[in-house]
């Protein structure tokens, strides 16, 4: 790199590119029961998916999505 200016320009370009690729996820309020039903419905007919994709698609907090998927797995309702 030749200068601080060039370094800053590259850093800003990288940051702007990352922002273009970012998505906004609107998180909804969920009860545990409704979250379980929604996750189970979401998974029907899908061979596999990531918990983060479930949370994003349903607008669910990550910790709730992981908790629900974990519980469904322990109950044998899903394989994970």
N, C-alpha and C. Protein backbone atom coordinates (compact mmCIF):
# COMPACT_ATOMS: atom_id res chain seq x y z
N UNK A 1 0.84 -1.18 0.00
CA UNK A 1 0.00 0.00 0.00
C UNK A 1 0.87 1.23 0.00
N UNK A 2 0.42 2.21 -0.68
CA UNK A 2 1.22 3.42 -0.82
C UNK A 2 0.97 4.43 0.27
N UNK A 3 -0.29 4.53 0.71
CA UNK A 3 -0.56 5.60 1.66
C UNK A 3 -1.71 5.22 2.59
N UNK A 4 -1.86 6.03 3.59
CA UNK A 4 -2.99 5.85 4.51
C UNK A 4 -4.31 6.06 3.77
N UNK A 5 -4.33 7.01 2.86
CA UNK A 5 -5.54 7.30 2.10
C UNK A 5 -5.98 6.07 1.32
N UNK A 6 -5.05 5.41 0.66
CA UNK A 6 -5.37 4.20 -0.10
C UNK A 6 -5.88 3.11 0.84
N UNK A 7 -5.25 2.97 1.99
CA UNK A 7 -5.68 1.98 2.97
C UNK A 7 -7.12 2.26 3.41
N UNK A 8 -7.42 3.51 3.73
CA UNK A 8 -8.76 3.89 4.18
C UNK A 8 -9.77 3.68 3.05
N UNK A 9 -9.43 4.04 1.84
CA UNK A 9 -10.34 3.85 0.70
C UNK A 9 -10.69 2.37 0.53
N UNK A 10 -9.69 1.51 0.62
CA UNK A 10 -9.95 0.07 0.48
C UNK A 10 -10.81 -0.45 1.63
N UNK A 11 -10.55 0.03 2.81
CA UNK A 11 -11.35 -0.39 3.97
C UNK A 11 -12.80 0.03 3.82
N UNK A 12 -13.02 1.25 3.37
CA UNK A 12 -14.38 1.75 3.17
C UNK A 12 -15.07 0.97 2.05
N UNK A 13 -14.38 0.69 0.96
CA UNK A 13 -14.96 -0.09 -0.13
C UNK A 13 -15.38 -1.48 0.35
N UNK A 14 -14.55 -2.11 1.15
CA UNK A 14 -14.85 -3.43 1.69
C UNK A 14 -16.07 -3.36 2.59
N UNK A 15 -16.13 -2.36 3.44
CA UNK A 15 -17.26 -2.19 4.36
C UNK A 15 -18.56 -1.96 3.59
N UNK A 16 -18.52 -1.12 2.57
CA UNK A 16 -19.71 -0.83 1.77
C UNK A 16 -20.18 -2.10 1.07
N UNK A 17 -19.26 -2.89 0.56
CA UNK A 17 -19.63 -4.15 -0.10
C UNK A 17 -20.30 -5.11 0.88
N UNK A 18 -19.78 -5.18 2.09
CA UNK A 18 -20.39 -6.03 3.11
C UNK A 18 -21.80 -5.56 3.45
N UNK A 19 -21.99 -4.25 3.51
CA UNK A 19 -23.32 -3.71 3.79
C UNK A 19 -24.31 -4.04 2.67
N UNK A 20 -23.85 -4.03 1.44
CA UNK A 20 -24.73 -4.37 0.31
C UNK A 20 -25.22 -5.81 0.41
N UNK A 21 -24.38 -6.68 0.95
CA UNK A 21 -24.73 -8.09 1.06
C UNK A 21 -25.53 -8.41 2.32
N UNK A 22 -25.60 -7.48 3.25
CA UNK A 22 -26.28 -7.71 4.52
C UNK A 22 -27.80 -7.72 4.34
N UNK A 23 -28.45 -8.47 5.20
CA UNK A 23 -29.91 -8.51 5.21
C UNK A 23 -30.43 -8.06 6.57
N UNK A 24 -31.58 -7.44 6.55
CA UNK A 24 -32.22 -7.03 7.78
C UNK A 24 -33.25 -8.10 8.14
N UNK A 25 -33.17 -8.58 9.36
CA UNK A 25 -34.13 -9.58 9.83
C UNK A 25 -35.03 -8.93 10.86
N UNK A 26 -36.32 -8.97 10.61
CA UNK A 26 -37.29 -8.42 11.56
C UNK A 26 -37.68 -9.55 12.50
N UNK A 27 -37.38 -9.36 13.77
CA UNK A 27 -37.65 -10.39 14.77
C UNK A 27 -39.01 -10.14 15.38
N UNK A 28 -39.81 -11.22 15.43
CA UNK A 28 -41.17 -11.14 15.99
C UNK A 28 -41.18 -11.71 17.40
N UNK A 29 -42.24 -11.42 18.12
CA UNK A 29 -42.44 -12.01 19.44
C UNK A 29 -43.02 -13.40 19.26
N UNK A 30 -42.46 -14.37 19.94
CA UNK A 30 -42.91 -15.76 19.84
C UNK A 30 -43.13 -16.33 21.24
N UNK A 31 -44.19 -17.10 21.39
CA UNK A 31 -44.30 -17.94 22.58
C UNK A 31 -43.57 -19.23 22.25
N UNK A 32 -43.20 -19.96 23.26
CA UNK A 32 -42.49 -21.23 23.04
C UNK A 32 -43.34 -22.19 22.21
N UNK A 33 -44.62 -22.27 22.52
CA UNK A 33 -45.51 -23.21 21.82
C UNK A 33 -45.65 -22.83 20.35
N UNK A 34 -45.86 -21.55 20.07
CA UNK A 34 -46.00 -21.11 18.68
C UNK A 34 -44.70 -21.29 17.91
N UNK A 35 -43.58 -21.06 18.58
CA UNK A 35 -42.28 -21.23 17.94
C UNK A 35 -42.06 -22.70 17.58
N UNK A 36 -42.42 -23.61 18.48
CA UNK A 36 -42.27 -25.04 18.21
C UNK A 36 -43.09 -25.44 17.00
N UNK A 37 -44.34 -25.00 16.95
CA UNK A 37 -45.21 -25.34 15.83
C UNK A 37 -44.68 -24.75 14.52
N UNK A 38 -44.22 -23.52 14.57
CA UNK A 38 -43.70 -22.85 13.36
C UNK A 38 -42.44 -23.54 12.85
N UNK A 39 -41.54 -23.89 13.75
CA UNK A 39 -40.30 -24.56 13.35
C UNK A 39 -40.62 -25.93 12.76
N UNK A 40 -41.51 -26.66 13.40
CA UNK A 40 -41.88 -27.99 12.90
C UNK A 40 -42.48 -27.89 11.51
N UNK A 41 -43.39 -26.92 11.31
CA UNK A 41 -43.98 -26.69 9.97
C UNK A 41 -42.91 -26.32 8.95
N UNK A 42 -42.00 -25.45 9.35
CA UNK A 42 -40.94 -24.99 8.46
C UNK A 42 -40.07 -26.16 8.00
N UNK A 43 -39.81 -27.09 8.90
CA UNK A 43 -38.92 -28.21 8.58
C UNK A 43 -39.59 -29.31 7.76
N UNK A 44 -40.91 -29.37 7.78
CA UNK A 44 -41.59 -30.41 7.01
C UNK A 44 -41.26 -30.27 5.54
N UNK A 45 -40.86 -31.38 4.94
CA UNK A 45 -40.55 -31.38 3.51
C UNK A 45 -39.16 -30.87 3.16
N UNK A 46 -38.39 -30.47 4.16
CA UNK A 46 -37.02 -30.03 3.92
C UNK A 46 -36.07 -31.11 4.41
N UNK A 47 -35.13 -31.50 3.56
CA UNK A 47 -34.20 -32.55 4.01
C UNK A 47 -33.27 -32.08 5.13
N UNK A 48 -32.85 -30.84 5.08
CA UNK A 48 -31.95 -30.30 6.10
C UNK A 48 -31.87 -28.79 5.96
N UNK A 49 -31.60 -28.13 7.06
CA UNK A 49 -31.39 -26.68 7.04
C UNK A 49 -30.65 -26.28 8.31
N UNK A 50 -30.08 -25.11 8.29
CA UNK A 50 -29.38 -24.58 9.45
C UNK A 50 -30.37 -23.88 10.37
N UNK A 51 -30.09 -23.91 11.66
CA UNK A 51 -30.95 -23.24 12.63
C UNK A 51 -30.97 -21.73 12.36
N UNK A 52 -29.86 -21.19 11.93
CA UNK A 52 -29.83 -19.75 11.61
C UNK A 52 -30.76 -19.42 10.46
N UNK A 53 -30.89 -20.32 9.49
CA UNK A 53 -31.82 -20.10 8.38
C UNK A 53 -33.27 -20.17 8.85
N UNK A 54 -33.55 -21.06 9.78
CA UNK A 54 -34.89 -21.16 10.36
C UNK A 54 -35.23 -19.85 11.07
N UNK A 55 -34.32 -19.39 11.90
CA UNK A 55 -34.55 -18.16 12.66
C UNK A 55 -34.75 -16.97 11.73
N UNK A 56 -33.96 -16.89 10.69
CA UNK A 56 -34.09 -15.78 9.74
C UNK A 56 -35.42 -15.84 9.00
N UNK A 57 -35.78 -17.02 8.52
CA UNK A 57 -37.01 -17.17 7.75
C UNK A 57 -38.26 -16.88 8.58
N UNK A 58 -38.21 -17.25 9.85
CA UNK A 58 -39.39 -17.08 10.71
C UNK A 58 -39.37 -15.79 11.51
N UNK A 59 -38.25 -15.07 11.48
CA UNK A 59 -38.15 -13.84 12.27
C UNK A 59 -38.08 -14.15 13.75
N UNK A 60 -37.21 -15.09 14.10
CA UNK A 60 -37.13 -15.60 15.46
C UNK A 60 -35.75 -15.31 16.04
N UNK A 61 -35.71 -15.02 17.33
CA UNK A 61 -34.43 -14.84 18.02
C UNK A 61 -33.63 -16.14 17.90
N UNK A 62 -32.32 -16.02 17.72
CA UNK A 62 -31.48 -17.20 17.56
C UNK A 62 -31.55 -18.14 18.76
N UNK A 63 -31.51 -17.59 19.97
CA UNK A 63 -31.53 -18.46 21.14
C UNK A 63 -32.82 -19.27 21.22
N UNK A 64 -33.95 -18.68 20.87
CA UNK A 64 -35.22 -19.39 20.86
C UNK A 64 -35.21 -20.48 19.80
N UNK A 65 -34.72 -20.16 18.62
CA UNK A 65 -34.67 -21.15 17.54
C UNK A 65 -33.80 -22.34 17.93
N UNK A 66 -32.63 -22.08 18.52
CA UNK A 66 -31.76 -23.17 18.95
C UNK A 66 -32.42 -23.99 20.06
N UNK A 67 -33.09 -23.33 20.98
CA UNK A 67 -33.77 -24.03 22.07
C UNK A 67 -34.86 -24.94 21.54
N UNK A 68 -35.67 -24.42 20.62
CA UNK A 68 -36.78 -25.18 20.06
C UNK A 68 -36.27 -26.36 19.24
N UNK A 69 -35.28 -26.13 18.39
CA UNK A 69 -34.72 -27.21 17.57
C UNK A 69 -34.10 -28.28 18.48
N UNK A 70 -33.41 -27.86 19.52
CA UNK A 70 -32.83 -28.80 20.47
C UNK A 70 -33.89 -29.66 21.15
N UNK A 71 -34.97 -29.01 21.57
CA UNK A 71 -36.06 -29.74 22.23
C UNK A 71 -36.73 -30.72 21.27
N UNK A 72 -36.99 -30.29 20.05
CA UNK A 72 -37.61 -31.17 19.06
C UNK A 72 -36.69 -32.36 18.75
N UNK A 73 -35.41 -32.12 18.73
CA UNK A 73 -34.45 -33.19 18.50
C UNK A 73 -34.43 -34.19 19.65
N UNK A 74 -34.42 -33.71 20.89
CA UNK A 74 -34.43 -34.59 22.05
C UNK A 74 -35.69 -35.43 22.11
N UNK A 75 -36.81 -34.86 21.64
CA UNK A 75 -38.08 -35.59 21.64
C UNK A 75 -38.18 -36.56 20.48
N UNK A 76 -37.20 -36.52 19.58
CA UNK A 76 -37.20 -37.42 18.43
C UNK A 76 -38.12 -36.98 17.30
N UNK A 77 -38.61 -35.75 17.37
CA UNK A 77 -39.51 -35.25 16.34
C UNK A 77 -38.77 -34.79 15.10
N UNK A 78 -37.49 -34.45 15.28
CA UNK A 78 -36.63 -34.10 14.16
C UNK A 78 -35.28 -34.76 14.37
N UNK A 79 -34.53 -34.90 13.31
CA UNK A 79 -33.19 -35.47 13.40
C UNK A 79 -32.21 -34.36 13.15
N UNK A 80 -31.24 -34.21 14.04
CA UNK A 80 -30.33 -33.10 13.87
C UNK A 80 -28.95 -33.34 14.21
